Amino acid sequence: MHIFESISALMCPLCGEKLGFSDNSLCCHGARRHNFDFSKSGYVNLNTHASTSGDDKDMARARQSFLRRGYYKPLADAIAAEAGQGELLCDAGCGEGYYTEIVAEKFSATLGVDLSKYAIELASKSAKQNGIAEKMLYTAASVYNIPLADSTCDAVINIFAPCVEKEYTRILKSGGRLIVAAAGRDHLQGLKSALYDNVTQNDTRRDYPQNMNLVNNISVKYEVEVLGDDIYSLFTMTPYFYRTKKESVEKLKSMERLYTLLDFEVRVYEKS
């Protein structure tokens, strides 16, 4: 039995009725009995519109390869410490599931939401390989339309994905926590120095919540040595991948090691 069969939190993205398990699919309790089949890897597509964003296959694989080397583990641990524990966790913009698995350890059930079917597939396969698939459910869906009923989550984590305050507030219980992670001002200075002549600081993200209670603001900042193929994997994860000249990319590919600062801002909010 999957843990989600017992918590009654899933909601049909088409009609808003509760979703229940039926063989190898999710079926809603509404009059039209909307049905959503599970993929072979274990995720379910609850996206009601054509996907226009999210990682492609190569980007998803690069992200998985890099993150599971442990370079960002201090960030994951900081987020897990702030999320705490509870019955239900939602990772809004979960990607290939690296942070999801670490934070989910102290929660009974976890829903991962992302538009990229390639990333979600990798996340689902990883959950199976690590023996935690029964407490995890990954869905291809938008963070603007999360398939959960109101006031069902103990915590929502939002890591380098759009911060949709209204939607996250809707699904959080009273007193529930939202943890938002973003790049700090000096994040990846070493990588940028290898690519560009003029290196500027990062802007503060503009979509932080305005109406929730800010209870903590944490800086996670440290130097890393990135080796070999991990350098290009890291580059592929960043916005610089789309706007860097070919010659700079070739220079990066030839590097055997890269020293760079990692600088993250983690803000913690509570629903009052």
C-alpha atoms as a PDB file:
ATOM      1  CA  MET A   1       0.000   0.000   0.000  1.00  0.00           C
ATOM      2  CA  HIS A   2       1.316   3.417  -0.968  1.00  0.00           C
ATOM      3  CA  ILE A   3       1.346   5.952   1.889  1.00  0.00           C
ATOM      4  CA  PHE A   4      -0.709   8.402  -0.191  1.00  0.00           C
ATOM      5  CA  GLU A   5      -3.635   5.972  -0.090  1.00  0.00           C
ATOM      6  CA  SER A   6      -4.025   6.726   3.612  1.00  0.00           C
ATOM      7  CA  ILE A   7      -3.608  10.510   3.789  1.00  0.00           C
ATOM      8  CA  SER A   8      -6.332  11.623   1.310  1.00  0.00           C
ATOM      9  CA  ALA A   9      -4.462  14.731   0.173  1.00  0.00           C
ATOM     10  CA  LEU A  10      -4.274  14.286  -3.601  1.00  0.00           C
ATOM     11  CA  MET A  11      -6.605  16.402  -5.712  1.00  0.00           C
ATOM     12  CA  CYS A  12      -7.680  16.012  -9.342  1.00  0.00           C
ATOM     13  CA  PRO A  13      -6.147  18.823 -11.414  1.00  0.00           C
ATOM     14  CA  LEU A  14      -9.168  18.863 -13.731  1.00  0.00           C
ATOM     15  CA  CYS A  15     -12.143  18.994 -11.374  1.00  0.00           C
ATOM     16  CA  GLY A  16     -10.709  19.431  -7.862  1.00  0.00           C
ATOM     17  CA  GLU A  17     -12.165  16.200  -6.458  1.00  0.00           C
ATOM     18  CA  LYS A  18     -10.101  13.794  -4.374  1.00  0.00           C
ATOM     19  CA  LEU A  19      -7.792  11.363  -6.173  1.00  0.00           C
ATOM     20  CA  GLY A  20      -7.601   7.736  -5.129  1.00  0.00           C
ATOM     21  CA  PHE A  21      -5.522   4.749  -6.210  1.00  0.00           C
ATOM     22  CA  SER A  22      -7.001   2.320  -8.734  1.00  0.00           C
ATOM     23  CA  ASP A  23      -4.725  -0.478 -10.013  1.00  0.00           C
ATOM     24  CA  ASN A  24      -1.837   1.313 -11.745  1.00  0.00           C
ATOM     25  CA  SER A  25      -3.474   4.724 -11.934  1.00  0.00           C
ATOM     26  CA  LEU A  26      -5.011   7.574  -9.974  1.00  0.00           C
ATOM     27  CA  CYS A  27      -8.743   8.072 -10.393  1.00  0.00           C
ATOM     28  CA  CYS A  28     -10.798  10.975  -9.070  1.00  0.00           C
ATOM     29  CA  HIS A  29     -14.099  10.739  -7.180  1.00  0.00           C
ATOM     30  CA  GLY A  30     -15.832  13.253  -9.435  1.00  0.00           C
ATOM     31  CA  ALA A  31     -18.662  12.525 -11.845  1.00  0.00           C
ATOM     32  CA  ARG A  32     -16.316  12.156 -14.824  1.00  0.00           C
ATOM     33  CA  ARG A  33     -13.874   9.841 -13.011  1.00  0.00           C
ATOM     34  CA  HIS A  34     -10.735  11.393 -14.481  1.00  0.00           C
ATOM     35  CA  ASN A  35      -7.971   8.806 -14.711  1.00  0.00           C
ATOM     36  CA  PHE A  36      -4.180   9.290 -14.657  1.00  0.00           C
ATOM     37  CA  ASP A  37      -1.885   6.328 -15.333  1.00  0.00           C
ATOM     38  CA  PHE A  38       1.454   5.748 -13.638  1.00  0.00           C
ATOM     39  CA  SER A  39       4.509   5.477 -15.869  1.00  0.00           C
ATOM     40  CA  LYS A  40       6.793   2.432 -15.788  1.00  0.00           C
ATOM     41  CA  SER A  41       9.264   4.356 -13.650  1.00  0.00           C
ATOM     42  CA  GLY A  42       6.531   5.229 -11.135  1.00  0.00           C
ATOM     43  CA  TYR A  43       5.580   8.875 -11.688  1.00  0.00           C
ATOM     44  CA  VAL A  44       2.152  10.140 -12.739  1.00  0.00           C
ATOM     45  CA  ASN A  45       1.464  12.953 -15.194  1.00  0.00           C
ATOM     46  CA  LEU A  46      -0.979  15.431 -13.658  1.00  0.00           C
ATOM     47  CA  ASN A  47       0.002  18.333 -15.898  1.00  0.00           C
ATOM     48  CA  THR A  48      -3.124  19.660 -17.604  1.00  0.00           C
ATOM     49  CA  HIS A  49      -1.309  21.818 -20.157  1.00  0.00           C
ATOM     50  CA  ALA A  50       1.471  21.298 -22.672  1.00  0.00           C
ATOM     51  CA  SER A  51       4.807  21.630 -20.895  1.00  0.00           C
ATOM     52  CA  THR A  52       6.718  24.731 -21.968  1.00  0.00           C
ATOM     53  CA  SER A  53       9.581  24.597 -19.486  1.00  0.00           C
ATOM     54  CA  GLY A  54      11.568  22.292 -17.276  1.00  0.00           C
ATOM     55  CA  ASP A  55      14.828  20.445 -17.836  1.00  0.00           C
ATOM     56  CA  ASP A  56      15.337  18.490 -21.044  1.00  0.00           C
ATOM     57  CA  LYS A  57      16.813  14.983 -20.879  1.00  0.00           C
ATOM     58  CA  ASP A  58      20.488  16.044 -20.993  1.00  0.00           C
ATOM     59  CA  MET A  59      20.001  18.804 -18.423  1.00  0.00           C
ATOM     60  CA  ALA A  60      18.165  16.470 -16.042  1.00  0.00           C
ATOM     61  CA  ARG A  61      20.936  13.886 -16.275  1.00  0.00           C
ATOM     62  CA  ALA A  62      23.646  16.515 -15.790  1.00  0.00           C
ATOM     63  CA  ARG A  63      21.862  17.849 -12.707  1.00  0.00           C
ATOM     64  CA  GLN A  64      21.512  14.368 -11.251  1.00  0.00           C
ATOM     65  CA  SER A  65      25.169  13.550 -11.943  1.00  0.00           C
ATOM     66  CA  PHE A  66      26.432  16.747 -10.327  1.00  0.00           C
ATOM     67  CA  LEU A  67      24.169  16.926  -7.285  1.00  0.00           C
ATOM     68  CA  ARG A  68      24.715  13.322  -6.268  1.00  0.00           C
ATOM     69  CA  ARG A  69      28.436  13.968  -6.041  1.00  0.00           C
ATOM     70  CA  GLY A  70      27.610  15.890  -2.864  1.00  0.00           C
ATOM     71  CA  TYR A  71      28.778  19.376  -3.833  1.00  0.00           C
ATOM     72  CA  TYR A  72      25.503  20.927  -2.616  1.00  0.00           C
ATOM     73  CA  LYS A  73      25.018  18.650   0.402  1.00  0.00           C
ATOM     74  CA  PRO A  74      25.463  21.476   2.979  1.00  0.00           C
ATOM     75  CA  LEU A  75      22.563  23.308   1.298  1.00  0.00           C
ATOM     76  CA  ALA A  76      20.378  20.192   1.372  1.00  0.00           C
ATOM     77  CA  ASP A  77      21.174  19.636   5.056  1.00  0.00           C
ATOM     78  CA  ALA A  78      20.314  23.249   5.932  1.00  0.00           C
ATOM     79  CA  ILE A  79      16.960  22.944   4.171  1.00  0.00           C
ATOM     80  CA  ALA A  80      16.205  19.630   5.889  1.00  0.00           C
ATOM     81  CA  ALA A  81      16.981  21.125   9.303  1.00  0.00           C
ATOM     82  CA  GLU A  82      14.532  23.979   8.718  1.00  0.00           C
ATOM     83  CA  ALA A  83      11.792  21.780   7.233  1.00  0.00           C
ATOM     84  CA  GLY A  84      11.793  19.557  10.309  1.00  0.00           C
ATOM     85  CA  GLN A  85       9.379  16.639  10.313  1.00  0.00           C
ATOM     86  CA  GLY A  86       5.712  15.872   9.802  1.00  0.00           C
ATOM     87  CA  GLU A  87       3.133  13.918   7.842  1.00  0.00           C
ATOM     88  CA  LEU A  88       3.331  15.541   4.394  1.00  0.00           C
ATOM     89  CA  LEU A  89       6.110  17.396   2.555  1.00  0.00           C
ATOM     90  CA  CYS A  90       5.801  18.995  -0.881  1.00  0.00           C
ATOM     91  CA  ASP A  91       8.849  19.769  -3.020  1.00  0.00           C
ATOM     92  CA  ALA A  92       7.629  22.428  -5.464  1.00  0.00           C
ATOM     93  CA  GLY A  93      10.004  22.237  -8.418  1.00  0.00           C
ATOM     94  CA  CYS A  94      11.711  19.033  -7.286  1.00  0.00           C
ATOM     95  CA  GLY A  95      13.777  18.300 -10.396  1.00  0.00           C
ATOM     96  CA  GLU A  96      15.477  14.903 -10.258  1.00  0.00           C
ATOM     97  CA  GLY A  97      14.793  14.484  -6.550  1.00  0.00           C
ATOM     98  CA  TYR A  98      18.165  15.054  -4.878  1.00  0.00           C
ATOM     99  CA  TYR A  99      16.942  17.545  -2.263  1.00  0.00           C
ATOM    100  CA  THR A 100      13.562  15.802  -2.058  1.00  0.00           C
ATOM    101  CA  GLU A 101      15.035  12.555  -0.768  1.00  0.00           C
ATOM    102  CA  ILE A 102      17.199  14.233   1.860  1.00  0.00           C
ATOM    103  CA  VAL A 103      14.438  16.451   3.262  1.00  0.00           C
ATOM    104  CA  ALA A 104      11.831  13.647   3.044  1.00  0.00           C
ATOM    105  CA  GLU A 105      13.659  11.467   5.538  1.00  0.00           C
ATOM    106  CA  LYS A 106      11.654  12.782   8.516  1.00  0.00           C
ATOM    107  CA  PHE A 107       8.276  12.988   6.763  1.00  0.00           C
ATOM    108  CA  SER A 108       5.696  10.228   6.421  1.00  0.00           C
ATOM    109  CA  ALA A 109       4.912  11.112   2.798  1.00  0.00           C
ATOM    110  CA  THR A 110       6.371  13.420   0.162  1.00  0.00           C
ATOM    111  CA  LEU A 111       4.999  14.800  -3.092  1.00  0.00           C
ATOM    112  CA  GLY A 112       7.499  16.017  -5.690  1.00  0.00           C
ATOM    113  CA  VAL A 113       6.173  18.353  -8.388  1.00  0.00           C
ATOM    114  CA  ASP A 114       8.028  19.399 -11.547  1.00  0.00           C
ATOM    115  CA  LEU A 115       7.172  20.164 -15.175  1.00  0.00           C
ATOM    116  CA  SER A 116      10.066  18.130 -16.575  1.00  0.00           C
ATOM    117  CA  LYS A 117       9.000  14.542 -17.234  1.00  0.00           C
ATOM    118  CA  TYR A 118      12.680  13.681 -17.708  1.00  0.00           C
ATOM    119  CA  ALA A 119      13.610  14.943 -14.252  1.00  0.00           C
ATOM    120  CA  ILE A 120      10.566  13.328 -12.644  1.00  0.00           C
ATOM    121  CA  GLU A 121      11.434  10.002 -14.252  1.00  0.00           C
ATOM    122  CA  LEU A 122      14.951  10.131 -12.802  1.00  0.00           C
ATOM    123  CA  ALA A 123      13.504  11.034  -9.384  1.00  0.00           C
ATOM    124  CA  SER A 124      11.076   8.113  -9.478  1.00  0.00           C
ATOM    125  CA  LYS A 125      13.772   5.644 -10.478  1.00  0.00           C
ATOM    126  CA  SER A 126      16.026   6.897  -7.687  1.00  0.00           C
ATOM    127  CA  ALA A 127      13.254   6.471  -5.106  1.00  0.00           C
ATOM    128  CA  LYS A 128      12.796   2.855  -6.226  1.00  0.00           C
ATOM    129  CA  GLN A 129      16.527   2.166  -6.123  1.00  0.00           C
ATOM    130  CA  ASN A 130      16.774   3.590  -2.609  1.00  0.00           C
ATOM    131  CA  GLY A 131      13.767   1.654  -1.311  1.00  0.00           C
ATOM    132  CA  ILE A 132      11.642   4.709  -0.494  1.00  0.00           C
ATOM    133  CA  ALA A 133       9.146   4.658  -3.373  1.00  0.00           C
ATOM    134  CA  GLU A 134       6.231   3.786  -1.064  1.00  0.00           C
ATOM    135  CA  LYS A 135       6.510   7.128   0.759  1.00  0.00           C
ATOM    136  CA  MET A 136       7.309   9.279  -2.296  1.00  0.00           C
ATOM    137  CA  LEU A 137       5.073  10.325  -5.161  1.00  0.00           C
ATOM    138  CA  TYR A 138       6.434  12.274  -8.109  1.00  0.00           C
ATOM    139  CA  THR A 139       4.112  14.135 -10.424  1.00  0.00           C
ATOM    140  CA  ALA A 140       4.596  16.035 -13.661  1.00  0.00           C
ATOM    141  CA  ALA A 141       2.674  19.171 -12.749  1.00  0.00           C
ATOM    142  CA  SER A 142       3.037  22.921 -12.426  1.00  0.00           C
ATOM    143  CA  VAL A 143       4.008  24.646  -9.191  1.00  0.00           C
ATOM    144  CA  TYR A 144       1.176  27.055 -10.035  1.00  0.00           C
ATOM    145  CA  ASN A 145      -1.356  24.218  -9.828  1.00  0.00           C
ATOM    146  CA  ILE A 146      -0.183  21.668  -7.255  1.00  0.00           C
ATOM    147  CA  PRO A 147      -2.487  18.613  -7.053  1.00  0.00           C
ATOM    148  CA  LEU A 148      -2.979  18.768  -3.286  1.00  0.00           C
ATOM    149  CA  ALA A 149      -5.996  19.735  -1.210  1.00  0.00           C
ATOM    150  CA  ASP A 150      -5.973  22.904   0.904  1.00  0.00           C
ATOM    151  CA  SER A 151      -4.097  22.917   4.233  1.00  0.00           C
ATOM    152  CA  THR A 152      -2.539  19.463   3.892  1.00  0.00           C
ATOM    153  CA  CYS A 153       1.241  20.095   3.994  1.00  0.00           C
ATOM    154  CA  ASP A 154       3.449  20.447   7.031  1.00  0.00           C
ATOM    155  CA  ALA A 155       6.221  21.912   4.879  1.00  0.00           C
ATOM    156  CA  VAL A 156       6.884  23.066   1.327  1.00  0.00           C
ATOM    157  CA  ILE A 157      10.403  23.373  -0.061  1.00  0.00           C
ATOM    158  CA  ASN A 158      11.109  25.563  -3.084  1.00  0.00           C
ATOM    159  CA  ILE A 159      14.674  25.313  -4.422  1.00  0.00           C
ATOM    160  CA  PHE A 160      15.695  27.374  -7.465  1.00  0.00           C
ATOM    161  CA  ALA A 161      12.135  27.203  -8.811  1.00  0.00           C
ATOM    162  CA  PRO A 162       9.384  29.840  -9.117  1.00  0.00           C
ATOM    163  CA  CYS A 163       8.089  30.879  -5.703  1.00  0.00           C
ATOM    164  CA  VAL A 164       4.299  30.938  -5.931  1.00  0.00           C
ATOM    165  CA  GLU A 165       3.281  32.311  -2.557  1.00  0.00           C
ATOM    166  CA  LYS A 166      -0.480  32.040  -3.077  1.00  0.00           C
ATOM    167  CA  GLU A 167      -0.332  28.365  -4.063  1.00  0.00           C
ATOM    168  CA  TYR A 168       2.127  27.362  -1.360  1.00  0.00           C
ATOM    169  CA  THR A 169       0.070  29.164   1.273  1.00  0.00           C
ATOM    170  CA  ARG A 170      -3.022  27.314   0.040  1.00  0.00           C
ATOM    171  CA  ILE A 171      -1.564  23.838   0.532  1.00  0.00           C
ATOM    172  CA  LEU A 172       0.237  24.549   3.823  1.00  0.00           C
ATOM    173  CA  LYS A 173      -1.350  23.822   7.181  1.00  0.00           C
ATOM    174  CA  SER A 174      -1.616  26.671   9.667  1.00  0.00           C
ATOM    175  CA  GLY A 175       1.871  27.003  11.144  1.00  0.00           C
ATOM    176  CA  GLY A 176       3.359  25.088   8.216  1.00  0.00           C
ATOM    177  CA  ARG A 177       6.759  26.104   6.880  1.00  0.00           C
ATOM    178  CA  LEU A 178       7.883  27.258   3.437  1.00  0.00           C
ATOM    179  CA  ILE A 179      11.632  27.027   2.807  1.00  0.00           C
ATOM    180  CA  VAL A 180      12.865  28.983  -0.218  1.00  0.00           C
ATOM    181  CA  ALA A 181      16.433  28.510  -1.478  1.00  0.00           C
ATOM    182  CA  ALA A 182      18.102  30.876  -3.929  1.00  0.00           C
ATOM    183  CA  ALA A 183      21.528  31.854  -5.212  1.00  0.00           C
ATOM    184  CA  GLY A 184      23.354  34.340  -2.997  1.00  0.00           C
ATOM    185  CA  ARG A 185      25.116  37.431  -4.299  1.00  0.00           C
ATOM    186  CA  ASP A 186      28.458  35.646  -4.814  1.00  0.00           C
ATOM    187  CA  HIS A 187      27.220  32.236  -5.976  1.00  0.00           C
ATOM    188  CA  LEU A 188      29.480  30.569  -8.592  1.00  0.00           C
ATOM    189  CA  GLN A 189      31.931  33.455  -8.835  1.00  0.00           C
ATOM    190  CA  GLY A 190      34.691  31.033  -9.819  1.00  0.00           C
ATOM    191  CA  LEU A 191      32.634  29.529 -12.632  1.00  0.00           C
ATOM    192  CA  LYS A 192      31.697  32.957 -13.939  1.00  0.00           C
ATOM    193  CA  SER A 193      35.333  34.092 -13.805  1.00  0.00           C
ATOM    194  CA  ALA A 194      36.258  31.136 -16.025  1.00  0.00           C
ATOM    195  CA  LEU A 195      33.610  32.126 -18.568  1.00  0.00           C
ATOM    196  CA  TYR A 196      33.522  35.931 -18.635  1.00  0.00           C
ATOM    197  CA  ASP A 197      35.881  38.892 -18.473  1.00  0.00           C
ATOM    198  CA  ASN A 198      33.496  40.967 -16.351  1.00  0.00           C
ATOM    199  CA  VAL A 199      31.922  39.184 -13.387  1.00  0.00           C
ATOM    200  CA  THR A 200      28.956  40.730 -11.611  1.00  0.00           C
ATOM    201  CA  GLN A 201      27.094  39.773  -8.438  1.00  0.00           C
ATOM    202  CA  ASN A 202      23.759  37.989  -8.594  1.00  0.00           C
ATOM    203  CA  ASP A 203      20.555  39.933  -8.065  1.00  0.00           C
ATOM    204  CA  THR A 204      18.302  39.090  -5.126  1.00  0.00           C
ATOM    205  CA  ARG A 205      15.357  37.041  -6.336  1.00  0.00           C
ATOM    206  CA  ARG A 206      12.190  39.079  -6.711  1.00  0.00           C
ATOM    207  CA  ASP A 207       9.477  36.537  -5.942  1.00  0.00           C
ATOM    208  CA  TYR A 208       9.997  36.029  -2.218  1.00  0.00           C
ATOM    209  CA  PRO A 209       6.719  35.843  -0.235  1.00  0.00           C
ATOM    210  CA  GLN A 210       5.246  39.167   0.858  1.00  0.00           C
ATOM    211  CA  ASN A 211       2.460  38.056   3.205  1.00  0.00           C
ATOM    212  CA  MET A 212       3.970  35.155   5.150  1.00  0.00           C
ATOM    213  CA  ASN A 213       5.966  35.442   8.365  1.00  0.00           C
ATOM    214  CA  LEU A 214       9.736  35.370   7.764  1.00  0.00           C
ATOM    215  CA  VAL A 215      11.165  33.365  10.674  1.00  0.00           C
ATOM    216  CA  ASN A 216      14.726  32.704   9.536  1.00  0.00           C
ATOM    217  CA  ASN A 217      17.218  33.836   6.902  1.00  0.00           C
ATOM    218  CA  ILE A 218      20.278  31.616   6.554  1.00  0.00           C
ATOM    219  CA  SER A 219      23.436  32.045   4.518  1.00  0.00           C
ATOM    220  CA  VAL A 220      25.153  28.842   3.333  1.00  0.00           C
ATOM    221  CA  LYS A 221      28.515  29.794   1.866  1.00  0.00           C
ATOM    222  CA  TYR A 222      31.629  27.705   1.153  1.00  0.00           C
ATOM    223  CA  GLU A 223      34.341  26.969  -1.424  1.00  0.00           C
ATOM    224  CA  VAL A 224      34.439  23.781  -3.508  1.00  0.00           C
ATOM    225  CA  GLU A 225      36.811  22.125  -5.942  1.00  0.00           C
ATOM    226  CA  VAL A 226      34.852  20.792  -8.927  1.00  0.00           C
ATOM    227  CA  LEU A 227      36.628  18.068 -10.884  1.00  0.00           C
ATOM    228  CA  GLY A 228      36.554  16.765 -14.453  1.00  0.00           C
ATOM    229  CA  ASP A 229      33.181  16.219 -16.105  1.00  0.00           C
ATOM    230  CA  ASP A 230      31.437  17.686 -13.061  1.00  0.00           C
ATOM    231  CA  ILE A 231      32.503  21.145 -14.263  1.00  0.00           C
ATOM    232  CA  TYR A 232      30.416  20.945 -17.424  1.00  0.00           C
ATOM    233  CA  SER A 233      27.539  19.319 -15.531  1.00  0.00           C
ATOM    234  CA  LEU A 234      27.522  22.288 -13.154  1.00  0.00           C
ATOM    235  CA  PHE A 235      27.588  24.710 -16.089  1.00  0.00           C
ATOM    236  CA  THR A 236      24.636  22.892 -17.688  1.00  0.00           C
ATOM    237  CA  MET A 237      22.576  23.487 -14.524  1.00  0.00           C
ATOM    238  CA  THR A 238      22.978  27.264 -14.676  1.00  0.00           C
ATOM    239  CA  PRO A 239      21.368  30.068 -16.728  1.00  0.00           C
ATOM    240  CA  TYR A 240      24.838  30.736 -18.203  1.00  0.00           C
ATOM    241  CA  PHE A 241      24.381  27.594 -20.303  1.00  0.00           C
ATOM    242  CA  TYR A 242      22.044  29.577 -22.576  1.00  0.00           C
ATOM    243  CA  ARG A 243      24.101  32.732 -22.993  1.00  0.00           C
ATOM    244  CA  THR A 244      27.787  31.834 -23.138  1.00  0.00           C
ATOM    245  CA  LYS A 245      29.943  32.071 -26.268  1.00  0.00           C
ATOM    246  CA  LYS A 246      31.123  28.837 -27.840  1.00  0.00           C
ATOM    247  CA  GLU A 247      34.812  29.585 -27.281  1.00  0.00           C
ATOM    248  CA  SER A 248      34.237  30.105 -23.552  1.00  0.00           C
ATOM    249  CA  VAL A 249      32.342  26.830 -23.353  1.00  0.00           C
ATOM    250  CA  GLU A 250      35.196  24.990 -25.082  1.00  0.00           C
ATOM    251  CA  LYS A 251      37.650  26.516 -22.609  1.00  0.00           C
ATOM    252  CA  LEU A 252      35.495  25.260 -19.738  1.00  0.00           C
ATOM    253  CA  LYS A 253      35.352  21.749 -21.229  1.00  0.00           C
ATOM    254  CA  SER A 254      39.156  21.605 -21.264  1.00  0.00           C
ATOM    255  CA  MET A 255      39.485  22.401 -17.552  1.00  0.00           C
ATOM    256  CA  GLU A 256      40.394  19.575 -15.170  1.00  0.00           C
ATOM    257  CA  ARG A 257      39.474  21.399 -11.968  1.00  0.00           C
ATOM    258  CA  LEU A 258      37.545  24.496 -10.997  1.00  0.00           C
ATOM    259  CA  TYR A 259      37.566  26.331  -7.676  1.00  0.00           C
ATOM    260  CA  THR A 260      34.417  28.286  -7.016  1.00  0.00           C
ATOM    261  CA  LEU A 261      32.454  29.834  -4.199  1.00  0.00           C
ATOM    262  CA  LEU A 262      28.990  28.446  -3.525  1.00  0.00           C
ATOM    263  CA  ASP A 263      26.704  31.012  -1.937  1.00  0.00           C
ATOM    264  CA  PHE A 264      23.085  30.196  -1.074  1.00  0.00           C
ATOM    265  CA  GLU A 265      20.343  32.106   0.686  1.00  0.00           C
ATOM    266  CA  VAL A 266      17.723  30.073   2.534  1.00  0.00           C
ATOM    267  CA  ARG A 267      14.632  31.916   3.757  1.00  0.00           C
ATOM    268  CA  VAL A 268      12.123  30.243   6.054  1.00  0.00           C
ATOM    269  CA  TYR A 269       8.486  31.387   6.268  1.00  0.00           C
ATOM    270  CA  GLU A 270       5.507  30.275   8.321  1.00  0.00           C
ATOM    271  CA  LYS A 271       1.826  30.327   7.462  1.00  0.00           C
ATOM    272  CA  SER A 272       0.031  32.177  10.230  1.00  0.00           C
END
